[in-house]
Amino acid sequence: MTDGERLERREMLAARGFREALDSLNPAVEPEVQQLFDALRRTMPARWQQADMIVCDTVCIKPPYTPETCSSVGGGHKQSLARVKKVLEGERAKVF
């Protein structure tokens, strides 16, 4: 691999990371909620779907983003739901 190819690859990876970071921002939510989302995203895949957080493509967290507002997407996924609730509870204790 030449230096030019390495540089191009590094630039491509940086651009991808920047796009992912921008996609994870939701300007419609309070800063504390965004901070909560960012904390969840550090440990598991998460994305915004309007005001709802979708975690691991199996759990939906609706406002006000408490363990009680977590639900399974498409039914089932009891282990994922339990794990997300536990992580959410811990992260909420840190943020709020």
C-alpha atoms as a PDB file:
ATOM      1  CA  MET A   1       0.000   0.000   0.000  1.00  0.00           C
ATOM      2  CA  THR A   2       1.442   3.360  -0.986  1.00  0.00           C
ATOM      3  CA  ASP A   3       1.442   6.456   1.185  1.00  0.00           C
ATOM      4  CA  GLY A   4      -1.237   7.972  -1.051  1.00  0.00           C
ATOM      5  CA  GLU A   5      -3.465   4.920  -0.582  1.00  0.00           C
ATOM      6  CA  ARG A   6      -2.955   5.019   3.191  1.00  0.00           C
ATOM      7  CA  LEU A   7      -3.830   8.685   3.282  1.00  0.00           C
ATOM      8  CA  GLU A   8      -6.939   8.119   1.160  1.00  0.00           C
ATOM      9  CA  ARG A   9      -8.052   5.260   3.426  1.00  0.00           C
ATOM     10  CA  ARG A  10      -7.488   7.349   6.549  1.00  0.00           C
ATOM     11  CA  GLU A  11      -9.486  10.201   5.031  1.00  0.00           C
ATOM     12  CA  MET A  12     -12.335   7.860   4.077  1.00  0.00           C
ATOM     13  CA  LEU A  13     -12.486   6.414   7.612  1.00  0.00           C
ATOM     14  CA  ALA A  14     -12.461   9.892   9.150  1.00  0.00           C
ATOM     15  CA  ALA A  15     -15.296  11.020   6.872  1.00  0.00           C
ATOM     16  CA  ARG A  16     -17.328   7.923   7.770  1.00  0.00           C
ATOM     17  CA  GLY A  17     -16.808   8.585  11.488  1.00  0.00           C
ATOM     18  CA  PHE A  18     -17.859  12.203  11.046  1.00  0.00           C
ATOM     19  CA  ARG A  19     -21.052  11.175   9.195  1.00  0.00           C
ATOM     20  CA  GLU A  20     -21.879   8.638  11.925  1.00  0.00           C
ATOM     21  CA  ALA A  21     -21.373  11.286  14.601  1.00  0.00           C
ATOM     22  CA  LEU A  22     -23.668  13.709  12.773  1.00  0.00           C
ATOM     23  CA  ASP A  23     -26.315  11.005  12.291  1.00  0.00           C
ATOM     24  CA  SER A  24     -26.316  10.348  16.036  1.00  0.00           C
ATOM     25  CA  LEU A  25     -27.308  13.921  16.897  1.00  0.00           C
ATOM     26  CA  ASN A  26     -30.941  14.807  17.477  1.00  0.00           C
ATOM     27  CA  PRO A  27     -31.424  18.586  17.724  1.00  0.00           C
ATOM     28  CA  ALA A  28     -35.034  18.106  18.860  1.00  0.00           C
ATOM     29  CA  VAL A  29     -34.090  16.665  22.276  1.00  0.00           C
ATOM     30  CA  GLU A  30     -32.659  18.232  25.419  1.00  0.00           C
ATOM     31  CA  PRO A  31     -28.873  18.070  25.898  1.00  0.00           C
ATOM     32  CA  GLU A  32     -29.263  15.616  28.803  1.00  0.00           C
ATOM     33  CA  VAL A  33     -31.258  13.254  26.577  1.00  0.00           C
ATOM     34  CA  GLN A  34     -28.596  13.479  23.867  1.00  0.00           C
ATOM     35  CA  GLN A  35     -25.972  12.740  26.513  1.00  0.00           C
ATOM     36  CA  LEU A  36     -27.972   9.688  27.595  1.00  0.00           C
ATOM     37  CA  PHE A  37     -28.206   8.509  23.978  1.00  0.00           C
ATOM     38  CA  ASP A  38     -24.457   9.001  23.492  1.00  0.00           C
ATOM     39  CA  ALA A  39     -23.749   6.939  26.610  1.00  0.00           C
ATOM     40  CA  LEU A  40     -25.960   4.104  25.368  1.00  0.00           C
ATOM     41  CA  ARG A  41     -24.348   4.265  21.938  1.00  0.00           C
ATOM     42  CA  ARG A  42     -20.892   3.766  23.432  1.00  0.00           C
ATOM     43  CA  THR A  43     -21.858   0.274  24.585  1.00  0.00           C
ATOM     44  CA  MET A  44     -24.416  -0.860  21.990  1.00  0.00           C
ATOM     45  CA  PRO A  45     -25.676   0.163  18.557  1.00  0.00           C
ATOM     46  CA  ALA A  46     -28.292   2.899  18.782  1.00  0.00           C
ATOM     47  CA  ARG A  47     -30.010   5.302  16.421  1.00  0.00           C
ATOM     48  CA  TRP A  48     -32.721   7.922  16.501  1.00  0.00           C
ATOM     49  CA  GLN A  49     -36.138   7.382  14.943  1.00  0.00           C
ATOM     50  CA  GLN A  50     -37.711  10.826  15.357  1.00  0.00           C
ATOM     51  CA  ALA A  51     -37.898  11.239  19.156  1.00  0.00           C
ATOM     52  CA  ASP A  52     -37.493   7.509  19.911  1.00  0.00           C
ATOM     53  CA  MET A  53     -34.207   5.743  20.569  1.00  0.00           C
ATOM     54  CA  ILE A  54     -33.808   2.409  18.800  1.00  0.00           C
ATOM     55  CA  VAL A  55     -31.196   0.237  20.488  1.00  0.00           C
ATOM     56  CA  CYS A  56     -29.748  -2.932  18.947  1.00  0.00           C
ATOM     57  CA  ASP A  57     -32.618  -2.758  16.415  1.00  0.00           C
ATOM     58  CA  THR A  58     -34.665  -4.676  19.004  1.00  0.00           C
ATOM     59  CA  VAL A  59     -35.602  -2.138  21.710  1.00  0.00           C
ATOM     60  CA  CYS A  60     -37.444   1.169  21.428  1.00  0.00           C
ATOM     61  CA  ILE A  61     -37.069   3.797  24.165  1.00  0.00           C
ATOM     62  CA  LYS A  62     -39.750   6.499  24.079  1.00  0.00           C
ATOM     63  CA  PRO A  63     -39.786   9.824  25.937  1.00  0.00           C
ATOM     64  CA  PRO A  64     -39.195  10.399  28.831  1.00  0.00           C
ATOM     65  CA  TYR A  65     -36.515   7.724  28.238  1.00  0.00           C
ATOM     66  CA  THR A  66     -36.951   5.625  31.367  1.00  0.00           C
ATOM     67  CA  PRO A  67     -36.793   1.836  31.754  1.00  0.00           C
ATOM     68  CA  GLU A  68     -40.603   1.879  31.932  1.00  0.00           C
ATOM     69  CA  THR A  69     -40.823   3.370  28.424  1.00  0.00           C
ATOM     70  CA  CYS A  70     -38.668   0.633  26.879  1.00  0.00           C
ATOM     71  CA  SER A  71     -40.412  -1.875  24.645  1.00  0.00           C
ATOM     72  CA  SER A  72     -39.380  -4.683  22.380  1.00  0.00           C
ATOM     73  CA  VAL A  73     -39.496  -3.994  18.641  1.00  0.00           C
ATOM     74  CA  GLY A  74     -41.415  -6.784  16.930  1.00  0.00           C
ATOM     75  CA  GLY A  75     -41.998  -8.815  20.089  1.00  0.00           C
ATOM     76  CA  GLY A  76     -39.658 -11.210  21.836  1.00  0.00           C
ATOM     77  CA  HIS A  77     -36.084 -10.133  22.547  1.00  0.00           C
ATOM     78  CA  LYS A  78     -36.563 -10.434  26.331  1.00  0.00           C
ATOM     79  CA  GLN A  79     -32.824 -10.619  27.020  1.00  0.00           C
ATOM     80  CA  SER A  80     -32.079  -7.535  24.915  1.00  0.00           C
ATOM     81  CA  LEU A  81     -34.914  -5.630  26.546  1.00  0.00           C
ATOM     82  CA  ALA A  82     -33.694  -6.522  30.042  1.00  0.00           C
ATOM     83  CA  ARG A  83     -30.106  -5.558  29.174  1.00  0.00           C
ATOM     84  CA  VAL A  84     -31.089  -2.204  27.664  1.00  0.00           C
ATOM     85  CA  LYS A  85     -33.283  -1.396  30.673  1.00  0.00           C
ATOM     86  CA  LYS A  86     -30.409  -2.146  33.045  1.00  0.00           C
ATOM     87  CA  VAL A  87     -27.900  -0.055  31.089  1.00  0.00           C
ATOM     88  CA  LEU A  88     -30.427   2.773  30.689  1.00  0.00           C
ATOM     89  CA  GLU A  89     -31.092   2.835  34.416  1.00  0.00           C
ATOM     90  CA  GLY A  90     -27.361   3.067  35.177  1.00  0.00           C
ATOM     91  CA  GLU A  91     -26.747   5.783  32.591  1.00  0.00           C
ATOM     92  CA  ARG A  92     -29.751   7.812  33.772  1.00  0.00           C
ATOM     93  CA  ALA A  93     -28.291   7.785  37.290  1.00  0.00           C
ATOM     94  CA  LYS A  94     -25.115   9.365  35.900  1.00  0.00           C
ATOM     95  CA  VAL A  95     -26.773  11.930  33.620  1.00  0.00           C
ATOM     96  CA  PHE A  96     -29.829  13.100  35.577  1.00  0.00           C
END
